[in-house]
Amino acid sequence: MSSPKVVVLTTGGTISCTTDPQGALVPTVSGEELIAPVAARFNDNLNIEVRELHRLDSSSMTFADVDEIITAAHSALQDEDVVGVVITHGTDSMEETAIALDTFHNDPRPIVLTGAQKPADHPEADGPGNIFEAVVIAADNSARDIGVLVVFGHAVIPARGCVKWHTSDELAFATNGPEEPQRAEPVIPVPLAGTKVEIISAYPGAPRTLFDAAIASGAQGIVVEAMGSGNVGTELARAVDEALKQGIPVVISTRVPRGDVASVYGGAGGGATLARNGAIGSTYFRAGQARVLLAIAVAANVHPVTLF
C-alpha cells in the first residue's frame, strides 16, 4: 500500500521571504526549498507533494489568485491517496483565502493554511514549525469533516471567524467565532474574479462620499465596517438605505475586535434601523471575511444571509 499523501500548495508570503540588501523582505524561497526540511522529518511515513503556485506577498492577492488556489486545492483532492491539503500563505490576507476555501469546500478531508511571522532567513524562523504542525493536522483523521483550518503558532483555528490579531506575534491569529462554528452549506465553486465588493469604514461624522463612489464605480455589494455593535452615522445610513433600494446588498460588520454584530439600536444609523431596511448583520465575521462571503453570494447568486 502507498503511504498517505499530503499536498502542499505554496503561494509565497513571509514564510518564503528572505532579506534583500536593503533590508526588505522579498519572497525568494521555492516551494521545494521550503518544504524539504519538513518533509525529511516524516521519513517514509508520509508522502508530501509540493506544488508551487505563487511567490506573492498576500497583500497583493486578488480574487483571481484566490480562484487559482481554490482550483488547485480541489484538484489535489481528486487524488484518492491524498488525506489533506496544506497551503502556505502570507498572513495579511490568509483569513480571506481561508473563508473562501471553506465556503466552497465539500470534502471531508481537511484543507489547512499556515504561514510565518518571521522570514525564512531569520535565526528563529517560525515557518518550519508551522508547516510541520499543519502537515500533522492535515494528515490526522480527527481533522476530517470540520472544514478549513488555520494552523499557526501552535493554534488550530477554524476558518470561519478567523482573524489576524497581531502584526508580529508568532501567535498571529485568533477567532471571533465560536469554538466549533456552524458551517454554511457548501457552495458550488464559481470564479470570484471580476466580482466587485467594497469595504467602507464608518467613524463619527463619516460622509457618504466613499459609499457613493463605490456604487458609481460598479460595486455589486458593500460591507460597512460600522462602529460598536453595528451602527453608523446619519449620512452614511442614508447611503445604505438608498443602496438597498437599488438592490445592492449591504452587510454590516464592526471595527470592534470582539463580539457579534447586533441589531439593537434605533435612530437613523442604528443597527436595528439598518436591519429593518434590509442590511445584513455579519454576526461574528469581521469586514475582510464578510467581504469574501458577500462576493461569493453575489457570484454564486445565493442569498448572503445563508452564508453568514
C-alpha atoms as a PDB file:
ATOM      1  CA  MET A   1       0.000   0.000   0.000  1.00  0.00           C
ATOM      2  CA  SER A   2       1.198   3.500  -0.782  1.00  0.00           C
ATOM      3  CA  SER A   3       1.875   5.990   2.022  1.00  0.00           C
ATOM      4  CA  PRO A   4      -0.799   8.588   2.702  1.00  0.00           C
ATOM      5  CA  LYS A   5      -0.162  11.806   0.830  1.00  0.00           C
ATOM      6  CA  VAL A   6      -0.420  15.451   1.811  1.00  0.00           C
ATOM      7  CA  VAL A   7      -0.257  18.009  -0.994  1.00  0.00           C
ATOM      8  CA  VAL A   8       1.378  21.314  -0.043  1.00  0.00           C
ATOM      9  CA  LEU A   9       0.489  24.324  -2.182  1.00  0.00           C
ATOM     10  CA  THR A  10       2.902  27.220  -1.741  1.00  0.00           C
ATOM     11  CA  THR A  11       1.868  30.781  -2.562  1.00  0.00           C
ATOM     12  CA  GLY A  12       4.572  32.990  -1.055  1.00  0.00           C
ATOM     13  CA  GLY A  13       4.235  35.248   1.966  1.00  0.00           C
ATOM     14  CA  THR A  14       6.692  35.907   4.787  1.00  0.00           C
ATOM     15  CA  ILE A  15       7.264  32.180   5.167  1.00  0.00           C
ATOM     16  CA  SER A  16       9.046  32.185   1.791  1.00  0.00           C
ATOM     17  CA  CYS A  17      10.799  35.544   2.224  1.00  0.00           C
ATOM     18  CA  THR A  18      14.434  36.409   2.718  1.00  0.00           C
ATOM     19  CA  THR A  19      16.012  39.783   3.400  1.00  0.00           C
ATOM     20  CA  ASP A  20      17.380  41.744   0.452  1.00  0.00           C
ATOM     21  CA  PRO A  21      20.441  44.038   0.640  1.00  0.00           C
ATOM     22  CA  GLN A  22      18.224  46.991   1.575  1.00  0.00           C
ATOM     23  CA  GLY A  23      16.679  45.080   4.480  1.00  0.00           C
ATOM     24  CA  ALA A  24      13.307  44.499   2.824  1.00  0.00           C
ATOM     25  CA  LEU A  25      11.617  41.105   2.808  1.00  0.00           C
ATOM     26  CA  VAL A  26      11.043  39.555  -0.604  1.00  0.00           C
ATOM     27  CA  PRO A  27       9.652  36.068  -1.433  1.00  0.00           C
ATOM     28  CA  THR A  28      12.605  34.115  -2.829  1.00  0.00           C
ATOM     29  CA  VAL A  29      12.300  30.595  -1.374  1.00  0.00           C
ATOM     30  CA  SER A  30      10.827  27.991  -3.705  1.00  0.00           C
ATOM     31  CA  GLY A  31       8.157  25.577  -2.600  1.00  0.00           C
ATOM     32  CA  GLU A  32      10.543  22.632  -2.734  1.00  0.00           C
ATOM     33  CA  GLU A  33      13.149  24.500  -0.658  1.00  0.00           C
ATOM     34  CA  LEU A  34      10.509  25.491   1.851  1.00  0.00           C
ATOM     35  CA  ILE A  35       9.120  22.005   2.396  1.00  0.00           C
ATOM     36  CA  ALA A  36      12.258  19.817   2.060  1.00  0.00           C
ATOM     37  CA  PRO A  37      13.464  20.077   5.690  1.00  0.00           C
ATOM     38  CA  VAL A  38       9.948  19.472   6.998  1.00  0.00           C
ATOM     39  CA  ALA A  39       9.307  16.511   4.714  1.00  0.00           C
ATOM     40  CA  ALA A  40      12.514  14.856   5.961  1.00  0.00           C
ATOM     41  CA  ARG A  41      11.026  14.700   9.466  1.00  0.00           C
ATOM     42  CA  PHE A  42       8.289  12.338   8.281  1.00  0.00           C
ATOM     43  CA  ASN A  43      10.729   9.835   6.723  1.00  0.00           C
ATOM     44  CA  ASP A  44       8.695   7.374   4.648  1.00  0.00           C
ATOM     45  CA  ASN A  45       5.561   7.586   6.796  1.00  0.00           C
ATOM     46  CA  LEU A  46       4.001  10.322   4.718  1.00  0.00           C
ATOM     47  CA  ASN A  47       4.305  11.300   1.087  1.00  0.00           C
ATOM     48  CA  ILE A  48       4.468  15.103   0.774  1.00  0.00           C
ATOM     49  CA  GLU A  49       3.948  16.528  -2.689  1.00  0.00           C
ATOM     50  CA  VAL A  50       4.760  20.183  -3.275  1.00  0.00           C
ATOM     51  CA  ARG A  51       3.066  22.348  -5.885  1.00  0.00           C
ATOM     52  CA  GLU A  52       4.251  25.942  -6.098  1.00  0.00           C
ATOM     53  CA  LEU A  53       1.549  28.341  -7.244  1.00  0.00           C
ATOM     54  CA  HIS A  54       2.971  31.789  -6.481  1.00  0.00           C
ATOM     55  CA  ARG A  55       5.591  33.745  -4.581  1.00  0.00           C
ATOM     56  CA  LEU A  56       3.339  36.616  -3.615  1.00  0.00           C
ATOM     57  CA  ASP A  57       3.047  38.978  -0.722  1.00  0.00           C
ATOM     58  CA  SER A  58      -0.513  38.138   0.320  1.00  0.00           C
ATOM     59  CA  SER A  59      -1.431  41.823   0.482  1.00  0.00           C
ATOM     60  CA  SER A  60      -1.193  41.625  -3.331  1.00  0.00           C
ATOM     61  CA  MET A  61      -3.694  38.744  -3.557  1.00  0.00           C
ATOM     62  CA  THR A  62      -6.660  39.300  -5.862  1.00  0.00           C
ATOM     63  CA  PHE A  63      -9.822  37.252  -6.310  1.00  0.00           C
ATOM     64  CA  ALA A  64      -8.175  35.755  -9.396  1.00  0.00           C
ATOM     65  CA  ASP A  65      -5.329  34.468  -7.201  1.00  0.00           C
ATOM     66  CA  VAL A  66      -7.834  33.077  -4.696  1.00  0.00           C
ATOM     67  CA  ASP A  67      -9.655  31.343  -7.549  1.00  0.00           C
ATOM     68  CA  GLU A  68      -6.389  29.683  -8.556  1.00  0.00           C
ATOM     69  CA  ILE A  69      -5.746  28.478  -5.002  1.00  0.00           C
ATOM     70  CA  ILE A  70      -9.263  27.052  -4.712  1.00  0.00           C
ATOM     71  CA  THR A  71      -8.918  25.259  -8.048  1.00  0.00           C
ATOM     72  CA  ALA A  72      -5.527  23.833  -7.054  1.00  0.00           C
ATOM     73  CA  ALA A  73      -6.836  22.600  -3.697  1.00  0.00           C
ATOM     74  CA  HIS A  74      -9.823  20.897  -5.288  1.00  0.00           C
ATOM     75  CA  SER A  75      -7.553  19.384  -7.942  1.00  0.00           C
ATOM     76  CA  ALA A  76      -5.292  17.945  -5.241  1.00  0.00           C
ATOM     77  CA  LEU A  77      -8.276  16.296  -3.574  1.00  0.00           C
ATOM     78  CA  GLN A  78      -9.102  14.436  -6.779  1.00  0.00           C
ATOM     79  CA  ASP A  79      -6.302  12.032  -5.820  1.00  0.00           C
ATOM     80  CA  GLU A  80      -7.717   9.338  -3.521  1.00  0.00           C
ATOM     81  CA  ASP A  81      -4.319   8.892  -1.831  1.00  0.00           C
ATOM     82  CA  VAL A  82      -4.397  12.494  -0.609  1.00  0.00           C
ATOM     83  CA  VAL A  83      -5.513  12.727   3.024  1.00  0.00           C
ATOM     84  CA  GLY A  84      -5.284  16.506   3.272  1.00  0.00           C
ATOM     85  CA  VAL A  85      -4.023  19.716   1.692  1.00  0.00           C
ATOM     86  CA  VAL A  86      -1.741  22.326   3.252  1.00  0.00           C
ATOM     87  CA  ILE A  87      -1.445  25.836   1.821  1.00  0.00           C
ATOM     88  CA  THR A  88       1.408  28.155   2.781  1.00  0.00           C
ATOM     89  CA  HIS A  89       0.172  31.727   2.552  1.00  0.00           C
ATOM     90  CA  GLY A  90       1.040  35.231   3.653  1.00  0.00           C
ATOM     91  CA  THR A  91      -0.638  36.318   6.860  1.00  0.00           C
ATOM     92  CA  ASP A  92      -2.010  39.643   5.590  1.00  0.00           C
ATOM     93  CA  SER A  93      -4.925  38.052   3.728  1.00  0.00           C
ATOM     94  CA  MET A  94      -4.872  34.476   4.995  1.00  0.00           C
ATOM     95  CA  GLU A  95      -8.237  34.885   6.703  1.00  0.00           C
ATOM     96  CA  GLU A  96      -9.878  35.909   3.413  1.00  0.00           C
ATOM     97  CA  THR A  97      -8.482  32.968   1.448  1.00  0.00           C
ATOM     98  CA  ALA A  98      -9.409  30.626   4.303  1.00  0.00           C
ATOM     99  CA  ILE A  99     -13.072  31.657   4.344  1.00  0.00           C
ATOM    100  CA  ALA A 100     -13.304  31.411   0.551  1.00  0.00           C
ATOM    101  CA  LEU A 101     -11.871  27.893   0.645  1.00  0.00           C
ATOM    102  CA  ASP A 102     -14.183  26.901   3.491  1.00  0.00           C
ATOM    103  CA  THR A 103     -17.316  28.182   1.768  1.00  0.00           C
ATOM    104  CA  PHE A 104     -16.560  26.155  -1.366  1.00  0.00           C
ATOM    105  CA  HIS A 105     -15.239  23.081   0.496  1.00  0.00           C
ATOM    106  CA  ASN A 106     -17.370  19.963   0.118  1.00  0.00           C
ATOM    107  CA  ASP A 107     -14.988  17.157   1.069  1.00  0.00           C
ATOM    108  CA  PRO A 108     -14.331  15.505   4.441  1.00  0.00           C
ATOM    109  CA  ARG A 109     -10.567  15.866   4.052  1.00  0.00           C
ATOM    110  CA  PRO A 110      -9.039  18.959   5.628  1.00  0.00           C
ATOM    111  CA  ILE A 111      -7.509  21.976   3.958  1.00  0.00           C
ATOM    112  CA  VAL A 112      -5.051  23.688   6.299  1.00  0.00           C
ATOM    113  CA  LEU A 113      -3.481  27.121   5.855  1.00  0.00           C
ATOM    114  CA  THR A 114      -0.294  28.211   7.544  1.00  0.00           C
ATOM    115  CA  GLY A 115       2.475  30.772   7.197  1.00  0.00           C
ATOM    116  CA  ALA A 116       5.011  32.650   9.271  1.00  0.00           C
ATOM    117  CA  GLN A 117       5.635  35.902  11.075  1.00  0.00           C
ATOM    118  CA  LYS A 118       9.412  35.677  10.628  1.00  0.00           C
ATOM    119  CA  PRO A 119      11.171  35.245   7.270  1.00  0.00           C
ATOM    120  CA  ALA A 120      12.933  32.068   6.193  1.00  0.00           C
ATOM    121  CA  ASP A 121      16.406  33.524   6.883  1.00  0.00           C
ATOM    122  CA  HIS A 122      15.556  34.641  10.432  1.00  0.00           C
ATOM    123  CA  PRO A 123      17.572  32.736  13.081  1.00  0.00           C
ATOM    124  CA  GLU A 124      14.293  31.948  14.871  1.00  0.00           C
ATOM    125  CA  ALA A 125      12.125  31.370  11.801  1.00  0.00           C
ATOM    126  CA  ASP A 126       8.685  30.079  12.791  1.00  0.00           C
ATOM    127  CA  GLY A 127       7.767  28.833   9.314  1.00  0.00           C
ATOM    128  CA  PRO A 128       9.229  25.304   9.526  1.00  0.00           C
ATOM    129  CA  GLY A 129       7.462  24.592  12.811  1.00  0.00           C
ATOM    130  CA  ASN A 130       4.166  25.928  11.475  1.00  0.00           C
ATOM    131  CA  ILE A 131       4.448  23.816   8.321  1.00  0.00           C
ATOM    132  CA  PHE A 132       5.245  20.707  10.341  1.00  0.00           C
ATOM    133  CA  GLU A 133       2.218  21.196  12.585  1.00  0.00           C
ATOM    134  CA  ALA A 134      -0.023  21.995   9.603  1.00  0.00           C
ATOM    135  CA  VAL A 135       1.015  18.777   7.871  1.00  0.00           C
ATOM    136  CA  VAL A 136       0.443  16.785  11.060  1.00  0.00           C
ATOM    137  CA  ILE A 137      -3.081  18.196  11.369  1.00  0.00           C
ATOM    138  CA  ALA A 138      -3.826  17.699   7.658  1.00  0.00           C
ATOM    139  CA  ALA A 139      -2.893  14.024   7.954  1.00  0.00           C
ATOM    140  CA  ASP A 140      -4.851  13.433  11.157  1.00  0.00           C
ATOM    141  CA  ASN A 141      -8.241  11.728  10.950  1.00  0.00           C
ATOM    142  CA  SER A 142      -9.566  13.985  13.702  1.00  0.00           C
ATOM    143  CA  ALA A 143      -9.370  16.933  11.289  1.00  0.00           C
ATOM    144  CA  ARG A 144     -11.855  15.383   8.871  1.00  0.00           C
ATOM    145  CA  ASP A 145     -15.358  16.794   8.416  1.00  0.00           C
ATOM    146  CA  ILE A 146     -14.661  20.124  10.117  1.00  0.00           C
ATOM    147  CA  GLY A 147     -13.807  22.277   7.120  1.00  0.00           C
ATOM    148  CA  VAL A 148     -10.855  24.543   6.502  1.00  0.00           C
ATOM    149  CA  LEU A 149      -8.411  25.312   9.314  1.00  0.00           C
ATOM    150  CA  VAL A 150      -5.646  27.796  10.053  1.00  0.00           C
ATOM    151  CA  VAL A 151      -2.749  26.176  11.952  1.00  0.00           C
ATOM    152  CA  PHE A 152      -0.354  28.805  13.266  1.00  0.00           C
ATOM    153  CA  GLY A 153       1.714  29.364  16.398  1.00  0.00           C
ATOM    154  CA  HIS A 154       0.587  26.036  17.911  1.00  0.00           C
ATOM    155  CA  ALA A 155      -3.076  27.048  17.497  1.00  0.00           C
ATOM    156  CA  VAL A 156      -5.698  25.283  15.380  1.00  0.00           C
ATOM    157  CA  ILE A 157      -8.383  27.755  14.328  1.00  0.00           C
ATOM    158  CA  PRO A 158     -11.494  27.214  12.161  1.00  0.00           C
ATOM    159  CA  ALA A 159     -11.578  29.372   9.046  1.00  0.00           C
ATOM    160  CA  ARG A 160     -14.969  30.816   9.961  1.00  0.00           C
ATOM    161  CA  GLY A 161     -14.290  33.783  12.224  1.00  0.00           C
ATOM    162  CA  CYS A 162     -10.511  33.605  11.931  1.00  0.00           C
ATOM    163  CA  VAL A 163      -8.789  36.981  12.118  1.00  0.00           C
ATOM    164  CA  LYS A 164      -5.197  38.156  12.260  1.00  0.00           C
ATOM    165  CA  TRP A 165      -4.996  39.699  15.707  1.00  0.00           C
ATOM    166  CA  HIS A 166      -1.324  40.713  15.986  1.00  0.00           C
ATOM    167  CA  THR A 167       1.060  42.220  13.451  1.00  0.00           C
ATOM    168  CA  SER A 168       4.172  40.437  14.677  1.00  0.00           C
ATOM    169  CA  ASP A 169       3.466  37.929  17.463  1.00  0.00           C
ATOM    170  CA  GLU A 170       4.083  34.295  16.498  1.00  0.00           C
ATOM    171  CA  LEU A 171       0.517  33.545  17.583  1.00  0.00           C
ATOM    172  CA  ALA A 172      -0.731  35.648  14.716  1.00  0.00           C
ATOM    173  CA  PHE A 173      -4.356  34.524  14.546  1.00  0.00           C
ATOM    174  CA  ALA A 174      -7.342  34.299  16.832  1.00  0.00           C
ATOM    175  CA  THR A 175     -11.010  33.608  16.289  1.00  0.00           C
ATOM    176  CA  ASN A 176     -14.011  35.792  16.843  1.00  0.00           C
ATOM    177  CA  GLY A 177     -16.329  32.864  16.237  1.00  0.00           C
ATOM    178  CA  PRO A 178     -17.488  30.007  18.440  1.00  0.00           C
ATOM    179  CA  GLU A 179     -15.120  27.158  19.199  1.00  0.00           C
ATOM    180  CA  GLU A 180     -16.975  24.930  16.736  1.00  0.00           C
ATOM    181  CA  PRO A 181     -18.700  27.292  14.303  1.00  0.00           C
ATOM    182  CA  GLN A 182     -21.629  26.023  12.312  1.00  0.00           C
ATOM    183  CA  ARG A 183     -20.612  25.891   8.666  1.00  0.00           C
ATOM    184  CA  ALA A 184     -22.893  27.104   5.911  1.00  0.00           C
ATOM    185  CA  GLU A 185     -23.945  24.621   3.261  1.00  0.00           C
ATOM    186  CA  PRO A 186     -21.039  24.414   0.789  1.00  0.00           C
ATOM    187  CA  VAL A 187     -21.472  26.499  -2.344  1.00  0.00           C
ATOM    188  CA  ILE A 188     -20.700  25.028  -5.754  1.00  0.00           C
ATOM    189  CA  PRO A 189     -17.410  26.712  -6.754  1.00  0.00           C
ATOM    190  CA  VAL A 190     -17.687  29.728  -9.004  1.00  0.00           C
ATOM    191  CA  PRO A 191     -14.972  32.190 -10.069  1.00  0.00           C
ATOM    192  CA  LEU A 192     -14.715  35.276  -7.873  1.00  0.00           C
ATOM    193  CA  ALA A 193     -12.514  37.269 -10.252  1.00  0.00           C
ATOM    194  CA  GLY A 194     -14.461  40.223 -11.556  1.00  0.00           C
ATOM    195  CA  THR A 195     -16.830  40.364  -8.580  1.00  0.00           C
ATOM    196  CA  LYS A 196     -16.689  43.801  -7.016  1.00  0.00           C
ATOM    197  CA  VAL A 197     -17.487  44.169  -3.320  1.00  0.00           C
ATOM    198  CA  GLU A 198     -16.097  47.108  -1.382  1.00  0.00           C
ATOM    199  CA  ILE A 199     -15.486  47.849   2.313  1.00  0.00           C
ATOM    200  CA  ILE A 200     -16.453  51.271   3.656  1.00  0.00           C
ATOM    201  CA  SER A 201     -15.391  52.298   7.156  1.00  0.00           C
ATOM    202  CA  ALA A 202     -17.717  54.176   9.464  1.00  0.00           C
ATOM    203  CA  TYR A 203     -16.496  56.690  12.026  1.00  0.00           C
ATOM    204  CA  PRO A 204     -18.073  59.646  13.821  1.00  0.00           C
ATOM    205  CA  GLY A 205     -19.250  62.097  11.194  1.00  0.00           C
ATOM    206  CA  ALA A 206     -18.304  59.872   8.250  1.00  0.00           C
ATOM    207  CA  PRO A 207     -19.698  61.279   4.987  1.00  0.00           C
ATOM    208  CA  ARG A 208     -21.326  59.182   2.296  1.00  0.00           C
ATOM    209  CA  THR A 209     -18.728  60.201  -0.296  1.00  0.00           C
ATOM    210  CA  LEU A 210     -16.813  56.915  -0.437  1.00  0.00           C
ATOM    211  CA  PHE A 211     -20.020  54.883  -0.320  1.00  0.00           C
ATOM    212  CA  ASP A 212     -21.450  56.769  -3.290  1.00  0.00           C
ATOM    213  CA  ALA A 213     -18.143  56.473  -5.168  1.00  0.00           C
ATOM    214  CA  ALA A 214     -18.146  52.711  -4.685  1.00  0.00           C
ATOM    215  CA  ILE A 215     -21.662  52.416  -6.110  1.00  0.00           C
ATOM    216  CA  ALA A 216     -20.806  54.721  -9.009  1.00  0.00           C
ATOM    217  CA  SER A 217     -17.772  52.591  -9.880  1.00  0.00           C
ATOM    218  CA  GLY A 218     -19.864  49.425 -10.133  1.00  0.00           C
ATOM    219  CA  ALA A 219     -19.788  47.832  -6.690  1.00  0.00           C
ATOM    220  CA  GLN A 220     -22.094  44.799  -6.566  1.00  0.00           C
ATOM    221  CA  GLY A 221     -22.161  44.793  -2.797  1.00  0.00           C
ATOM    222  CA  ILE A 222     -20.895  46.846   0.130  1.00  0.00           C
ATOM    223  CA  VAL A 223     -19.570  45.838   3.530  1.00  0.00           C
ATOM    224  CA  VAL A 224     -19.751  48.597   6.115  1.00  0.00           C
ATOM    225  CA  GLU A 225     -17.208  48.385   8.911  1.00  0.00           C
ATOM    226  CA  ALA A 226     -19.518  50.009  11.419  1.00  0.00           C
ATOM    227  CA  MET A 227     -18.991  51.238  14.957  1.00  0.00           C
ATOM    228  CA  GLY A 228     -19.974  49.442  18.142  1.00  0.00           C
ATOM    229  CA  SER A 229     -22.383  46.565  17.659  1.00  0.00           C
ATOM    230  CA  GLY A 230     -23.170  47.712  14.114  1.00  0.00           C
ATOM    231  CA  ASN A 231     -24.078  51.387  13.972  1.00  0.00           C
ATOM    232  CA  VAL A 232     -23.287  54.242  11.564  1.00  0.00           C
ATOM    233  CA  GLY A 233     -23.892  57.972  11.391  1.00  0.00           C
ATOM    234  CA  THR A 234     -26.951  59.570   9.815  1.00  0.00           C
ATOM    235  CA  GLU A 235     -25.384  60.474   6.468  1.00  0.00           C
ATOM    236  CA  LEU A 236     -23.903  57.037   5.906  1.00  0.00           C
ATOM    237  CA  ALA A 237     -27.200  55.466   6.956  1.00  0.00           C
ATOM    238  CA  ARG A 238     -28.974  57.318   4.142  1.00  0.00           C
ATOM    239  CA  ALA A 239     -26.447  55.936   1.649  1.00  0.00           C
ATOM    240  CA  VAL A 240     -27.003  52.408   2.943  1.00  0.00           C
ATOM    241  CA  ASP A 241     -30.775  52.787   2.625  1.00  0.00           C
ATOM    242  CA  GLU A 242     -30.529  54.089  -0.941  1.00  0.00           C
ATOM    243  CA  ALA A 243     -28.191  51.260  -1.970  1.00  0.00           C
ATOM    244  CA  LEU A 244     -30.568  48.667  -0.578  1.00  0.00           C
ATOM    245  CA  LYS A 245     -33.459  50.248  -2.513  1.00  0.00           C
ATOM    246  CA  GLN A 246     -31.333  49.856  -5.675  1.00  0.00           C
ATOM    247  CA  GLY A 247     -30.954  46.135  -4.944  1.00  0.00           C
ATOM    248  CA  ILE A 248     -27.311  46.371  -3.856  1.00  0.00           C
ATOM    249  CA  PRO A 249     -26.729  44.129  -0.834  1.00  0.00           C
ATOM    250  CA  VAL A 250     -25.138  45.724   2.216  1.00  0.00           C
ATOM    251  CA  VAL A 251     -23.527  43.799   5.076  1.00  0.00           C
ATOM    252  CA  ILE A 252     -22.860  45.473   8.408  1.00  0.00           C
ATOM    253  CA  SER A 253     -19.695  44.397  10.238  1.00  0.00           C
ATOM    254  CA  THR A 254     -17.874  46.259  13.018  1.00  0.00           C
ATOM    255  CA  ARG A 255     -14.479  47.708  13.775  1.00  0.00           C
ATOM    256  CA  VAL A 256     -14.644  46.317  17.333  1.00  0.00           C
ATOM    257  CA  PRO A 257     -12.210  43.391  17.774  1.00  0.00           C
ATOM    258  CA  ARG A 258     -14.537  41.027  19.650  1.00  0.00           C
ATOM    259  CA  GLY A 259     -18.234  40.210  19.831  1.00  0.00           C
ATOM    260  CA  ASP A 260     -21.098  39.878  17.364  1.00  0.00           C
ATOM    261  CA  VAL A 261     -22.929  42.484  15.336  1.00  0.00           C
ATOM    262  CA  ALA A 262     -26.313  43.055  16.985  1.00  0.00           C
ATOM    263  CA  SER A 263     -29.238  44.983  15.529  1.00  0.00           C
ATOM    264  CA  VAL A 264     -30.405  46.642  18.734  1.00  0.00           C
ATOM    265  CA  TYR A 265     -30.151  50.422  18.385  1.00  0.00           C
ATOM    266  CA  GLY A 266     -32.750  52.690  16.818  1.00  0.00           C
ATOM    267  CA  GLY A 267     -32.194  56.039  15.175  1.00  0.00           C
ATOM    268  CA  ALA A 268     -31.266  56.660  11.555  1.00  0.00           C
ATOM    269  CA  GLY A 269     -27.959  54.773  11.720  1.00  0.00           C
ATOM    270  CA  GLY A 270     -28.703  52.324  14.494  1.00  0.00           C
ATOM    271  CA  GLY A 271     -28.291  48.634  13.822  1.00  0.00           C
ATOM    272  CA  ALA A 272     -31.998  47.921  14.287  1.00  0.00           C
ATOM    273  CA  THR A 273     -32.905  50.537  11.692  1.00  0.00           C
ATOM    274  CA  LEU A 274     -30.311  49.284   9.226  1.00  0.00           C
ATOM    275  CA  ALA A 275     -31.582  45.715   9.620  1.00  0.00           C
ATOM    276  CA  ARG A 276     -35.203  46.799   9.212  1.00  0.00           C
ATOM    277  CA  ASN A 277     -34.222  48.463   5.930  1.00  0.00           C
ATOM    278  CA  GLY A 278     -32.636  45.234   4.682  1.00  0.00           C
ATOM    279  CA  ALA A 279     -28.971  45.402   5.703  1.00  0.00           C
ATOM    280  CA  ILE A 280     -27.481  42.072   6.757  1.00  0.00           C
ATOM    281  CA  GLY A 281     -25.589  41.721  10.026  1.00  0.00           C
ATOM    282  CA  SER A 282     -22.274  39.913   9.676  1.00  0.00           C
ATOM    283  CA  THR A 283     -22.677  38.100  13.046  1.00  0.00           C
ATOM    284  CA  TYR A 284     -19.087  37.360  14.183  1.00  0.00           C
ATOM    285  CA  PHE A 285     -17.389  37.936  10.815  1.00  0.00           C
ATOM    286  CA  ARG A 286     -15.190  40.985  10.514  1.00  0.00           C
ATOM    287  CA  ALA A 287     -15.042  43.096   7.380  1.00  0.00           C
ATOM    288  CA  GLY A 288     -12.398  41.100   5.477  1.00  0.00           C
ATOM    289  CA  GLN A 289     -14.196  37.781   5.706  1.00  0.00           C
ATOM    290  CA  ALA A 290     -17.593  39.460   5.325  1.00  0.00           C
ATOM    291  CA  ARG A 291     -16.457  40.915   2.005  1.00  0.00           C
ATOM    292  CA  VAL A 292     -15.446  37.469   0.736  1.00  0.00           C
ATOM    293  CA  LEU A 293     -18.736  35.903   1.827  1.00  0.00           C
ATOM    294  CA  LEU A 294     -20.733  38.671   0.171  1.00  0.00           C
ATOM    295  CA  ALA A 295     -18.670  38.307  -3.022  1.00  0.00           C
ATOM    296  CA  ILE A 296     -19.362  34.563  -3.056  1.00  0.00           C
ATOM    297  CA  ALA A 297     -23.076  35.220  -2.590  1.00  0.00           C
ATOM    298  CA  VAL A 298     -23.071  37.674  -5.498  1.00  0.00           C
ATOM    299  CA  ALA A 299     -21.003  35.438  -7.793  1.00  0.00           C
ATOM    300  CA  ALA A 300     -22.945  32.276  -6.968  1.00  0.00           C
ATOM    301  CA  ASN A 301     -26.353  34.000  -6.919  1.00  0.00           C
ATOM    302  CA  VAL A 302     -27.221  32.818  -3.415  1.00  0.00           C
ATOM    303  CA  HIS A 303     -28.760  34.917  -0.656  1.00  0.00           C
ATOM    304  CA  PRO A 304     -25.993  36.400   1.515  1.00  0.00           C
ATOM    305  CA  VAL A 305     -27.828  35.525   4.730  1.00  0.00           C
ATOM    306  CA  THR A 306     -27.302  31.826   4.022  1.00  0.00           C
ATOM    307  CA  LEU A 307     -23.524  32.286   4.202  1.00  0.00           C
ATOM    308  CA  PHE A 308     -23.439  34.290   7.422  1.00  0.00           C
END
